[in-house]
Amino acid sequence: LLILDWMLPGISGIEMTRRLKRDPRYNAVPILLLTAKAEKNDRICAFEAGVNDYITKPFSPRDLIIRINSALNISKNLN
């Protein structure tokens, strides 16, 4: 599981997601994207890039933990 922010230094979380999803070694790794970007088009862009979940800031720690557990359970069931 990777948790990325949209606005990383040097590369966006979206571009990092695209690169990871193209790489056979990492394309099955679930990616949660954290961001302050809450527009519908931003969400669409993120899911088209390959993120598995999208969490807007501010978020509660409990929400993040639930989404992490969900992503890990889905990933475990696929393997």
Protein backbone atom coordinates (compact mmCIF):
# COMPACT_ATOMS: atom_id res chain seq x y z
CA LEU A 1 0.00 0.00 0.00
CA LEU A 2 1.25 3.48 -0.89
CA ILE A 3 -0.18 6.71 0.42
CA LEU A 4 0.73 9.61 -1.84
CA ASP A 5 -0.05 13.29 -1.74
CA TRP A 6 -1.04 14.91 -5.03
CA MET A 7 1.58 17.62 -4.51
CA LEU A 8 4.88 15.85 -3.93
CA PRO A 9 8.20 17.68 -4.35
CA GLY A 10 9.57 17.18 -7.85
CA ILE A 11 6.75 14.98 -9.15
CA SER A 12 3.00 14.92 -8.63
CA GLY A 13 1.28 12.02 -6.94
CA ILE A 14 -0.69 11.58 -10.16
CA GLU A 15 2.46 11.17 -12.25
CA MET A 16 3.98 8.83 -9.65
CA THR A 17 0.80 6.74 -9.78
CA ARG A 18 0.97 6.54 -13.59
CA ARG A 19 4.59 5.39 -13.47
CA LEU A 20 3.91 2.77 -10.81
CA LYS A 21 0.85 1.39 -12.60
CA ARG A 22 2.88 0.97 -15.82
CA ASP A 23 5.57 -1.00 -13.99
CA PRO A 24 4.69 -4.71 -13.68
CA ARG A 25 6.57 -4.91 -10.38
CA TYR A 26 4.28 -2.35 -8.74
CA ASN A 27 1.05 -2.18 -10.73
CA ALA A 28 -0.87 -4.29 -8.18
CA VAL A 29 0.14 -2.12 -5.20
CA PRO A 30 -2.92 -0.22 -3.90
CA ILE A 31 -2.49 3.56 -3.95
CA LEU A 32 -4.40 6.02 -1.77
CA LEU A 33 -4.11 9.63 -2.87
CA LEU A 34 -4.37 12.39 -0.26
CA THR A 35 -5.10 15.84 -1.56
CA ALA A 36 -6.64 19.22 -0.95
CA LYS A 37 -8.06 19.04 -4.49
CA ALA A 38 -11.76 18.32 -4.11
CA GLU A 39 -13.15 19.08 -7.57
CA LYS A 40 -14.92 16.35 -9.54
CA ASN A 41 -12.42 16.62 -12.41
CA ASP A 42 -9.52 16.13 -9.98
CA ARG A 43 -11.09 12.89 -8.73
CA ILE A 44 -11.65 11.69 -12.28
CA CYS A 45 -8.03 12.47 -13.20
CA ALA A 46 -6.78 10.57 -10.16
CA PHE A 47 -8.86 7.45 -10.81
CA GLU A 48 -7.93 7.50 -14.50
CA ALA A 49 -4.27 7.58 -13.42
CA GLY A 50 -4.88 4.42 -11.39
CA VAL A 51 -5.39 5.40 -7.75
CA ASN A 52 -7.49 2.98 -5.73
CA ASP A 53 -8.89 5.58 -3.36
CA TYR A 54 -9.01 9.36 -3.08
CA ILE A 55 -9.12 11.19 0.23
CA THR A 56 -9.57 14.95 0.47
CA LYS A 57 -8.04 17.05 3.20
CA PRO A 58 -8.93 17.61 5.92
CA PHE A 59 -9.70 14.00 6.80
CA SER A 60 -10.05 12.17 10.07
CA PRO A 61 -7.44 9.63 11.12
CA ARG A 62 -10.23 7.09 11.57
CA ASP A 63 -11.37 7.60 7.95
CA LEU A 64 -7.80 7.05 6.74
CA ILE A 65 -7.42 3.85 8.79
CA ILE A 66 -10.73 2.49 7.48
CA ARG A 67 -9.70 3.18 3.88
CA ILE A 68 -6.26 1.63 4.43
CA ASN A 69 -7.84 -1.51 5.87
CA SER A 70 -10.29 -1.68 2.99
CA ALA A 71 -7.55 -1.34 0.37
CA LEU A 72 -5.45 -4.01 2.07
CA ASN A 73 -8.40 -6.41 2.35
CA ILE A 74 -9.28 -5.97 -1.31
CA SER A 75 -5.64 -6.48 -2.29
CA LYS A 76 -5.35 -9.59 -0.11
CA ASN A 77 -8.51 -11.08 -1.65
CA LEU A 78 -7.18 -10.52 -5.17
CA ASN A 79 -4.00 -12.47 -4.44
